[in-house]
């Protein structure tokens, strides 16, 4: 269920959603006028809780009676044991813990968002859903990492998918256009799609809320050859195909952040030979609040804080994190149609998962722990086309489950994407990932993993 949903959503973002957005942008003035300020929906806490509970019940029933999973054989004795024994750090594989659990948590958050709640309240429902699953739907001991990843990652992922589905919807559309919009929105945010069918919203005509349309939505899709090298390892070179999707929603520099995730960046990479999910990289950084020291048409300078979800999984390394980032953001218009944007962020990592050579005693090949980090990013753009992108960052992660020691991570990226004809471009990218791991009473480890990409892009 999880994997299919992600792949369908990716296909629609890369194909259907941009077309619908462009179609909306070219709509006649009469249709644009139908987008009005709409009274916020009433909050329905009991309905949201019922949907979260029903979702857990359906997934559990499938695992128990169709898949016949032993861990789904639960009852009063397993529930009491879970409460009595407390939380543990589980042994599930990296993709399950760091990607599939947050994706599942996105459904919990959507249940709340679609029943009138905002971002923070939706996080509470994601937490409730995570606790229900960990304590009631599995006979294994409840997992601390699952609760954190499902709640924080699920809320961020759910908000992004919910807003993208809003971008596809148009309550004034009819006929084939309406069907296409509802289909795209429903596949991006399935629980919302079901609710719209049950409520009759899928065919009811009315105004489209203005908050469904951000002032800026930039998207690009690129695909091509990727060469990944993991130094000092056998079979250290992997050649394959990679597809990248970059989304920039809203504009932190030109308008205030009134609600969490009014502005966010989302990036997704699919690559051959990575993992069962095919997802090699996923990142979300959503603005929570910002204060502008300067905001003009030519220049912007502000202080902001955001929530971040990060996931990287390839044959060279694994790294995932739930964090809150804060720092300085700067934009400067250079000459007509061009500008530079830059940010310098400090990162507080609540929980990170990182590759480790000595974590085998936990049943995993990665450590869990909190940490700190710093990241610099700069972009040179012409219009909505990011021509040159530079990123550099460093993090410290201290394991609390797995190995005894400390991990120091450095990451850099340089990407060039040159316009060639119309919406098409050509480019290349170079990434470098470096990990230094210092273990107590064990040998230190140094890993370096460069990556090259050559691609064709569409904007």
Protein backbone atom coordinates (compact mmCIF):
# COMPACT_ATOMS: atom_id res chain seq x y z
CA UNK A 1 0.00 0.00 0.00
CA UNK A 2 2.74 2.43 0.96
CA UNK A 3 5.01 1.82 -2.03
CA UNK A 4 2.22 1.97 -4.61
CA UNK A 5 0.88 5.20 -3.16
CA UNK A 6 4.27 6.89 -3.28
CA UNK A 7 4.92 5.87 -6.88
CA UNK A 8 1.46 6.94 -8.02
CA UNK A 9 1.86 10.27 -6.23
CA UNK A 10 5.25 10.82 -7.88
CA UNK A 11 3.80 10.09 -11.31
CA UNK A 12 1.01 12.57 -10.78
CA UNK A 13 3.30 15.30 -9.49
CA UNK A 14 5.60 14.85 -12.48
CA UNK A 15 2.82 14.59 -15.03
CA UNK A 16 -0.67 15.57 -13.94
CA UNK A 17 -0.29 18.22 -11.27
CA UNK A 18 1.88 20.69 -13.19
CA UNK A 19 -0.52 20.48 -16.12
CA UNK A 20 -3.48 21.22 -13.88
CA UNK A 21 -1.67 24.12 -12.25
CA UNK A 22 -0.80 25.60 -15.64
CA UNK A 23 -4.34 25.05 -16.79
CA UNK A 24 -5.60 26.93 -13.78
CA UNK A 25 -3.15 29.77 -14.35
CA UNK A 26 -4.51 30.24 -17.86
CA UNK A 27 -8.15 30.04 -16.80
CA UNK A 28 -10.47 32.92 -17.74
CA UNK A 29 -11.01 35.71 -15.25
CA UNK A 30 -14.53 34.48 -14.48
CA UNK A 31 -13.20 31.20 -13.13
CA UNK A 32 -10.41 32.86 -11.17
CA UNK A 33 -13.03 35.09 -9.60
CA UNK A 34 -14.69 32.00 -8.18
CA UNK A 35 -11.76 31.61 -5.80
CA UNK A 36 -12.94 33.41 -2.71
CA UNK A 37 -12.27 33.72 0.95
CA UNK A 38 -14.14 30.74 2.36
CA UNK A 39 -15.02 30.36 6.02
CA UNK A 40 -12.73 27.83 7.70
CA UNK A 41 -14.34 24.39 8.05
CA UNK A 42 -15.72 23.31 11.38
CA UNK A 43 -13.46 21.06 13.44
CA UNK A 44 -14.70 17.50 13.88
CA UNK A 45 -12.45 15.88 16.50
CA UNK A 46 -14.47 12.69 16.95
CA UNK A 47 -14.70 12.09 13.20
CA UNK A 48 -10.95 12.65 12.83
CA UNK A 49 -10.26 10.23 15.69
CA UNK A 50 -12.64 7.69 14.14
CA UNK A 51 -10.82 7.89 10.81
CA UNK A 52 -7.41 7.45 12.46
CA UNK A 53 -8.71 4.44 14.41
CA UNK A 54 -10.45 2.93 11.37
CA UNK A 55 -7.28 3.29 9.30
CA UNK A 56 -5.27 1.42 11.93
CA UNK A 57 -7.98 -1.22 12.18
CA UNK A 58 -8.06 -1.82 8.41
CA UNK A 59 -4.28 -2.07 8.10
CA UNK A 60 -4.10 -4.36 11.13
CA UNK A 61 -6.88 -6.61 9.76
CA UNK A 62 -5.05 -6.93 6.44
CA UNK A 63 -1.79 -7.87 8.19
CA UNK A 64 -3.54 -10.26 10.57
CA UNK A 65 -6.01 -12.08 8.33
CA UNK A 66 -4.63 -11.69 4.81
CA UNK A 67 -0.88 -11.59 5.39
CA UNK A 68 -1.23 -13.76 8.52
CA UNK A 69 1.62 -11.95 10.24
CA UNK A 70 2.50 -13.39 13.62
CA UNK A 71 3.26 -9.94 15.05
CA UNK A 72 -0.37 -8.92 14.34
CA UNK A 73 -1.75 -11.54 16.74
CA UNK A 74 -2.63 -9.18 19.55
CA UNK A 75 -4.95 -9.18 22.55
CA UNK A 76 -5.22 -8.03 26.17
CA UNK A 77 -2.07 -9.86 27.21
CA UNK A 78 0.11 -8.21 24.53
CA UNK A 79 -1.43 -4.80 25.26
CA UNK A 80 -0.67 -5.15 28.96
CA UNK A 81 2.88 -6.28 28.20
CA UNK A 82 3.45 -3.23 26.01
CA UNK A 83 2.37 -0.86 28.77
CA UNK A 84 4.34 -2.77 31.39
CA UNK A 85 7.61 -3.07 29.42
CA UNK A 86 7.70 0.44 27.98
CA UNK A 87 9.32 1.77 24.82
CA UNK A 88 12.24 0.18 22.97
CA UNK A 89 14.30 0.93 19.85
CA UNK A 90 13.15 -1.55 17.20
CA UNK A 91 15.12 -3.57 14.64
CA UNK A 92 13.16 -2.85 11.44
CA UNK A 93 15.04 -2.07 8.24
CA UNK A 94 15.94 1.51 7.41
CA UNK A 95 13.36 2.13 4.65
CA UNK A 96 10.51 0.88 6.82
CA UNK A 97 11.42 3.01 9.83
CA UNK A 98 12.50 6.17 8.06
CA UNK A 99 10.19 6.35 5.03
CA UNK A 100 7.22 4.01 5.28
CA UNK A 101 6.35 4.92 8.87
CA UNK A 102 6.27 8.66 8.09
CA UNK A 103 4.19 7.94 4.98
CA UNK A 104 1.72 5.99 7.12
CA UNK A 105 1.69 8.87 9.60
CA UNK A 106 0.73 11.21 6.75
CA UNK A 107 -2.67 9.48 6.67
CA UNK A 108 -3.21 10.25 10.35
CA UNK A 109 -2.38 13.92 9.79
CA UNK A 110 -4.64 14.06 6.75
CA UNK A 111 -7.57 12.75 8.80
CA UNK A 112 -7.24 15.79 11.05
CA UNK A 113 -6.51 18.33 8.30
CA UNK A 114 -9.54 17.20 6.32
CA UNK A 115 -11.73 17.54 9.40
CA UNK A 116 -10.97 21.19 9.97
CA UNK A 117 -7.77 21.13 12.03
CA UNK A 118 -4.55 23.04 11.45
CA UNK A 119 -0.99 21.81 11.28
CA UNK A 120 -0.20 21.57 14.98
CA UNK A 121 -3.48 19.84 15.89
CA UNK A 122 -2.91 17.39 13.02
CA UNK A 123 0.40 16.47 14.61
CA UNK A 124 -1.48 15.53 17.78
CA UNK A 125 -3.72 13.16 15.81
CA UNK A 126 -0.63 11.67 14.15
CA UNK A 127 0.76 11.05 17.63
CA UNK A 128 -2.49 9.39 18.72
CA UNK A 129 -2.44 7.16 15.64
CA UNK A 130 1.18 6.20 16.28
CA UNK A 131 0.42 5.27 19.90
CA UNK A 132 -2.62 3.25 18.84
CA UNK A 133 -0.55 1.24 16.38
CA UNK A 134 2.45 0.69 18.61
CA UNK A 135 0.48 -0.35 21.70
CA UNK A 136 -2.57 -2.08 20.19
CA UNK A 137 -1.79 -3.40 16.68
CA UNK A 138 1.54 -5.17 17.23
CA UNK A 139 2.63 -7.81 19.69
CA UNK A 140 6.18 -6.45 19.52
CA UNK A 141 7.22 -3.95 22.17
CA UNK A 142 6.18 -0.38 21.32
CA UNK A 143 8.94 1.51 19.52
CA UNK A 144 10.17 4.99 20.44
CA UNK A 145 11.67 5.61 16.99
CA UNK A 146 8.41 4.63 15.26
CA UNK A 147 6.40 7.07 17.37
CA UNK A 148 8.82 9.93 16.63
CA UNK A 149 9.14 9.20 12.91
CA UNK A 150 5.43 8.55 12.38
CA UNK A 151 4.39 11.71 14.22
CA UNK A 152 6.94 14.27 13.03
CA UNK A 153 7.68 12.87 9.58
CA UNK A 154 4.03 11.94 9.06
CA UNK A 155 2.79 15.43 9.90
CA UNK A 156 5.28 17.08 7.53
CA UNK A 157 4.66 14.61 4.71
CA UNK A 158 0.89 14.73 5.22
CA UNK A 159 0.85 18.55 5.08
CA UNK A 160 2.84 18.60 1.85
CA UNK A 161 0.56 16.04 0.17
CA UNK A 162 -2.54 17.78 1.49
CA UNK A 163 -1.45 21.15 0.08
CA UNK A 164 -0.47 19.60 -3.26
CA UNK A 165 -3.90 17.96 -3.47
CA UNK A 166 -5.48 21.38 -2.76
CA UNK A 167 -3.43 22.80 -5.60
CA UNK A 168 -4.99 20.27 -7.97
CA UNK A 169 -8.59 20.85 -6.81
CA UNK A 170 -11.01 23.39 -8.28
CA UNK A 171 -14.51 23.43 -6.80
CA UNK A 172 -15.77 25.38 -9.83
CA UNK A 173 -14.55 22.89 -12.44
CA UNK A 174 -16.97 20.58 -14.25
CA UNK A 175 -16.90 17.64 -16.66
CA UNK A 176 -13.64 15.95 -17.56
CA UNK A 177 -11.55 18.66 -15.95
CA UNK A 178 -13.29 18.10 -12.61
CA UNK A 179 -12.76 14.34 -12.83
CA UNK A 180 -9.06 14.76 -13.59
CA UNK A 181 -8.57 17.21 -10.75
CA UNK A 182 -10.37 15.02 -8.22
CA UNK A 183 -8.41 11.97 -9.37
CA UNK A 184 -5.04 13.70 -9.02
CA UNK A 185 -5.96 15.14 -5.61
CA UNK A 186 -7.31 11.80 -4.37
CA UNK A 187 -4.23 9.88 -5.37
CA UNK A 188 -1.92 12.44 -3.80
CA UNK A 189 -3.95 12.45 -0.57
CA UNK A 190 -6.06 9.25 -0.64
CA UNK A 191 -7.90 9.72 2.64
CA UNK A 192 -8.95 13.20 1.58
CA UNK A 193 -10.15 11.80 -1.74
CA UNK A 194 -12.33 9.25 0.03
CA UNK A 195 -13.76 11.93 2.33
CA UNK A 196 -14.61 14.17 -0.62
CA UNK A 197 -16.52 11.32 -2.23
CA UNK A 198 -18.41 10.49 0.97
CA UNK A 199 -19.31 14.14 1.61
CA UNK A 200 -20.22 14.83 -1.99
CA UNK A 201 -17.51 17.48 -2.30
CA UNK A 202 -16.07 15.69 -5.32
CA UNK A 203 -18.93 16.95 -7.53
CA UNK A 204 -20.42 19.83 -5.55
CA UNK A 205 -19.90 23.26 -7.19
CA UNK A 206 -18.74 26.17 -5.08
CA UNK A 207 -15.93 28.66 -4.48
CA UNK A 208 -12.34 27.49 -4.30
CA UNK A 209 -10.65 28.74 -1.11
CA UNK A 210 -7.90 31.24 -1.81
CA UNK A 211 -5.51 29.44 0.54
CA UNK A 212 -5.49 26.52 -1.89
CA UNK A 213 -3.50 28.65 -4.34
CA UNK A 214 -0.01 29.71 -3.25
CA UNK A 215 1.42 32.88 -4.74
CA UNK A 216 4.27 30.82 -6.23
CA UNK A 217 4.60 27.19 -7.24
CA UNK A 218 7.78 26.11 -9.02
CA UNK A 219 8.34 22.55 -10.15
CA UNK A 220 10.97 20.70 -12.14
CA UNK A 221 11.55 17.08 -13.10
CA UNK A 222 14.91 15.75 -14.25
CA UNK A 223 16.08 12.32 -15.29
CA UNK A 224 19.30 10.78 -16.47
CA UNK A 225 22.42 8.81 -15.58
CA UNK A 226 23.82 8.56 -12.06
CA UNK A 227 27.20 7.22 -10.94
CA UNK A 228 27.54 6.51 -7.22
CA UNK A 229 30.90 5.58 -5.70
CA UNK A 230 31.44 4.29 -2.18
CA UNK A 231 35.14 4.48 -1.49
CA UNK A 232 36.99 1.69 0.37
CA UNK A 233 34.18 -0.81 -0.24
CA UNK A 234 33.99 -3.84 -2.53
CA UNK A 235 31.90 -3.38 -5.70
CA UNK A 236 32.24 0.30 -5.00
CA UNK A 237 30.75 1.78 -8.19
CA UNK A 238 27.11 1.77 -9.15
CA UNK A 239 25.78 3.13 -12.43
CA UNK A 240 22.06 3.60 -12.93
CA UNK A 241 19.14 5.86 -13.69
CA UNK A 242 17.83 8.58 -11.38
CA UNK A 243 14.70 10.75 -11.56
CA UNK A 244 14.48 13.89 -9.42
CA UNK A 245 11.43 16.00 -8.59
CA UNK A 246 11.90 19.45 -7.01
CA UNK A 247 8.93 21.45 -5.72
CA UNK A 248 8.95 24.99 -4.30
CA UNK A 249 5.62 26.02 -2.81
CA UNK A 250 4.88 29.57 -1.68
CA UNK A 251 7.42 32.36 -1.28
CA UNK A 252 8.98 32.94 2.11
CA UNK A 253 10.80 36.02 0.81
CA UNK A 254 7.84 37.98 -0.56
CA UNK A 255 5.00 37.29 1.87
CA UNK A 256 4.54 36.50 5.57
CA UNK A 257 4.12 32.97 6.91
CA UNK A 258 0.63 33.01 8.39
CA UNK A 259 0.31 29.25 8.83
CA UNK A 260 2.89 26.45 9.04
CA UNK A 261 4.01 25.27 5.60
CA UNK A 262 2.66 28.31 3.76
CA UNK A 263 6.07 27.95 2.13
CA UNK A 264 7.99 24.69 1.74
CA UNK A 265 10.56 22.93 -0.43
CA UNK A 266 10.14 19.24 -1.24
CA UNK A 267 12.54 17.01 -3.13
CA UNK A 268 12.25 13.40 -4.17
CA UNK A 269 14.70 11.16 -6.00
CA UNK A 270 13.99 7.72 -7.41
CA UNK A 271 17.02 5.67 -8.44
CA UNK A 272 17.66 2.19 -9.72
CA UNK A 273 19.26 -0.33 -7.38
CA UNK A 274 18.53 1.50 -4.13
CA UNK A 275 15.93 -0.17 -1.92
CA UNK A 276 12.51 -1.78 -1.89
CA UNK A 277 10.85 1.65 -1.98
CA UNK A 278 12.97 2.81 -4.97
CA UNK A 279 13.22 6.13 -3.10
CA UNK A 280 16.87 7.16 -2.87
CA UNK A 281 16.32 10.62 -1.40
CA UNK A 282 13.42 12.59 0.08
CA UNK A 283 13.56 15.98 1.76
CA UNK A 284 10.98 18.40 3.14
CA UNK A 285 11.65 21.79 4.72
CA UNK A 286 8.50 23.66 5.71
CA UNK A 287 8.41 27.16 7.17
CA UNK A 288 6.80 27.40 10.61
CA UNK A 289 7.34 31.11 11.29
CA UNK A 290 9.40 34.01 9.94
CA UNK A 291 10.23 37.58 10.85
CA UNK A 292 11.24 39.96 8.06
CA UNK A 293 13.92 42.56 8.79
CA UNK A 294 13.64 43.72 5.18
CA UNK A 295 11.16 42.78 2.48
CA UNK A 296 11.08 44.77 -0.77
CA UNK A 297 10.73 43.87 -4.43
CA UNK A 298 14.49 44.02 -4.84
CA UNK A 299 15.77 42.55 -1.57
CA UNK A 300 14.62 40.45 1.39
CA UNK A 301 16.30 39.53 4.66
CA UNK A 302 14.56 37.54 7.36
CA UNK A 303 14.85 35.18 10.30
CA UNK A 304 12.89 31.95 10.05
CA UNK A 305 12.32 28.58 11.66
CA UNK A 306 11.08 25.42 10.00
CA UNK A 307 10.54 21.71 10.38
CA UNK A 308 12.58 19.32 8.26
CA UNK A 309 12.32 15.69 7.22
CA UNK A 310 15.29 14.07 5.49
CA UNK A 311 15.83 10.61 4.03
CA UNK A 312 18.75 9.21 2.02
CA UNK A 313 19.05 5.52 1.24
CA UNK A 314 21.49 4.08 -1.29
CA UNK A 315 24.15 1.40 -1.40
CA UNK A 316 26.78 3.80 -0.08
CA UNK A 317 25.05 5.15 3.03
CA UNK A 318 21.81 5.59 4.95
CA UNK A 319 20.82 8.82 6.68
CA UNK A 320 17.43 9.97 7.95
CA UNK A 321 16.44 12.74 10.35
CA UNK A 322 13.58 14.62 11.98
CA UNK A 323 14.73 18.12 12.85
CA UNK A 324 13.81 21.74 13.44
CA UNK A 325 15.93 24.24 11.50
CA UNK A 326 16.28 27.96 12.11
CA UNK A 327 18.39 30.75 10.71
CA UNK A 328 18.78 33.55 8.19
CA UNK A 329 17.31 33.83 4.69
CA UNK A 330 18.40 36.35 2.06
CA UNK A 331 17.21 37.24 -1.45
CA UNK A 332 18.66 39.83 -3.85
CA UNK A 333 17.45 40.75 -7.33
CA UNK A 334 20.47 41.18 -9.63
CA UNK A 335 19.22 42.31 -13.02
CA UNK A 336 15.92 41.89 -14.82
CA UNK A 337 14.56 38.41 -14.17
CA UNK A 338 17.53 37.09 -12.18
CA UNK A 339 18.16 36.81 -8.46
CA UNK A 340 20.15 34.98 -5.80
CA UNK A 341 18.64 33.29 -2.74
CA UNK A 342 20.65 32.05 0.21
CA UNK A 343 20.05 30.57 3.65
CA UNK A 344 22.22 29.72 6.66
CA UNK A 345 20.50 27.33 9.06
CA UNK A 346 21.27 25.78 12.42
CA UNK A 347 19.72 22.35 12.85
CA UNK A 348 18.43 20.71 16.00
CA UNK A 349 18.06 17.01 15.25
CA UNK A 350 15.50 15.28 17.45
CA UNK A 351 16.24 11.86 16.01
CA UNK A 352 18.60 10.73 13.27
CA UNK A 353 19.32 7.32 11.81
CA UNK A 354 22.78 6.81 10.31
CA UNK A 355 24.80 3.92 8.89
CA UNK A 356 27.08 2.18 11.39
CA UNK A 357 29.53 -0.70 11.12
CA UNK A 358 29.04 -1.70 14.79
CA UNK A 359 25.27 -1.52 15.27
CA UNK A 360 24.70 -5.20 14.47
CA UNK A 361 24.10 -6.10 18.12
CA UNK A 362 20.85 -4.09 17.91
CA UNK A 363 19.67 -6.10 14.89
CA UNK A 364 20.10 -3.06 12.63
CA UNK A 365 22.89 -1.72 10.43
CA UNK A 366 22.34 1.87 11.61
CA UNK A 367 22.40 3.91 14.81
CA UNK A 368 19.73 6.14 16.36
CA UNK A 369 20.44 9.39 18.14
CA UNK A 370 19.94 13.17 18.38
CA UNK A 371 22.36 15.76 17.08
CA UNK A 372 23.19 19.24 15.86
CA UNK A 373 24.03 20.63 12.46
CA UNK A 374 24.54 23.62 10.20
CA UNK A 375 23.67 24.07 6.53
CA UNK A 376 24.35 26.70 3.85
CA UNK A 377 22.39 26.86 0.61
CA UNK A 378 22.56 29.33 -2.28
CA UNK A 379 20.73 29.52 -5.62
CA UNK A 380 21.08 31.63 -8.74
CA UNK A 381 17.81 31.78 -10.67
CA UNK A 382 16.38 33.29 -13.79
CA UNK A 383 12.65 33.65 -13.36
CA UNK A 384 11.46 30.39 -11.82
CA UNK A 385 14.42 28.44 -13.20
CA UNK A 386 17.12 27.55 -10.64
CA UNK A 387 20.21 27.52 -12.82
CA UNK A 388 22.94 27.06 -10.21
CA UNK A 389 22.47 25.49 -6.77
CA UNK A 390 25.08 25.06 -4.04
CA UNK A 391 24.59 23.25 -0.72
CA UNK A 392 27.01 22.45 2.09
CA UNK A 393 26.34 21.14 5.56
CA UNK A 394 27.80 19.41 8.58
CA UNK A 395 26.16 17.45 11.40
CA UNK A 396 27.09 15.71 14.63
CA UNK A 397 25.02 12.71 15.71
CA UNK A 398 25.36 11.01 19.09
CA UNK A 399 23.92 7.46 19.17
CA UNK A 400 21.58 6.48 21.99
CA UNK A 401 20.77 3.14 20.40
CA UNK A 402 23.36 1.13 18.51
CA UNK A 403 27.06 1.89 18.70
CA UNK A 404 28.93 3.77 21.40
CA UNK A 405 30.55 6.79 19.85
CA UNK A 406 29.85 9.81 17.66
CA UNK A 407 29.20 10.39 13.97
CA UNK A 408 30.35 13.49 12.09
CA UNK A 409 28.72 13.99 8.71
CA UNK A 410 29.57 16.45 5.93
CA UNK A 411 27.56 16.91 2.77
CA UNK A 412 28.02 19.08 -0.32
CA UNK A 413 26.14 19.49 -3.59
CA UNK A 414 26.71 21.54 -6.74
CA UNK A 415 24.03 21.47 -9.45
CA UNK A 416 23.92 23.21 -12.83
CA UNK A 417 20.68 23.21 -14.84
CA UNK A 418 20.89 25.25 -18.06
CA UNK A 419 17.82 26.23 -20.12
CA UNK A 420 18.07 24.87 -23.67
CA UNK A 421 14.70 25.10 -25.38
CA UNK A 422 11.33 26.15 -23.97
CA UNK A 423 10.70 24.20 -20.76
CA UNK A 424 13.63 21.83 -21.41
CA UNK A 425 17.13 22.00 -19.98
CA UNK A 426 20.37 20.06 -19.64
CA UNK A 427 22.51 19.80 -16.55
CA UNK A 428 24.71 17.92 -14.17
CA UNK A 429 25.23 17.57 -10.44
CA UNK A 430 27.98 16.50 -8.09
CA UNK A 431 27.27 15.33 -4.52
CA UNK A 432 29.78 14.39 -1.84
CA UNK A 433 28.85 12.61 1.40
CA UNK A 434 31.51 12.12 4.09
CA UNK A 435 31.08 10.28 7.38
CA UNK A 436 33.63 10.10 10.18
CA UNK A 437 32.59 7.72 12.96
CA UNK A 438 34.54 7.59 16.21
CA UNK A 439 33.63 4.55 18.29
CA UNK A 440 34.55 3.83 21.89
CA UNK A 441 36.94 0.86 22.16
CA UNK A 442 36.52 0.16 18.44
CA UNK A 443 38.28 1.33 15.30
CA UNK A 444 37.30 4.65 13.82
CA UNK A 445 35.69 4.63 10.37
CA UNK A 446 36.00 7.09 7.50
CA UNK A 447 33.61 6.83 4.53
CA UNK A 448 33.49 9.04 1.45
CA UNK A 449 30.81 8.72 -1.24
CA UNK A 450 30.85 10.98 -4.32
CA UNK A 451 27.97 10.95 -6.77
CA UNK A 452 27.73 12.31 -10.34
CA UNK A 453 24.57 12.97 -12.35
CA UNK A 454 23.90 14.05 -15.93
CA UNK A 455 20.28 14.79 -16.74
CA UNK A 456 17.61 16.28 -18.94
CA UNK A 457 15.20 18.56 -17.07
CA UNK A 458 11.66 19.79 -17.63
CA UNK A 459 10.28 22.91 -15.91
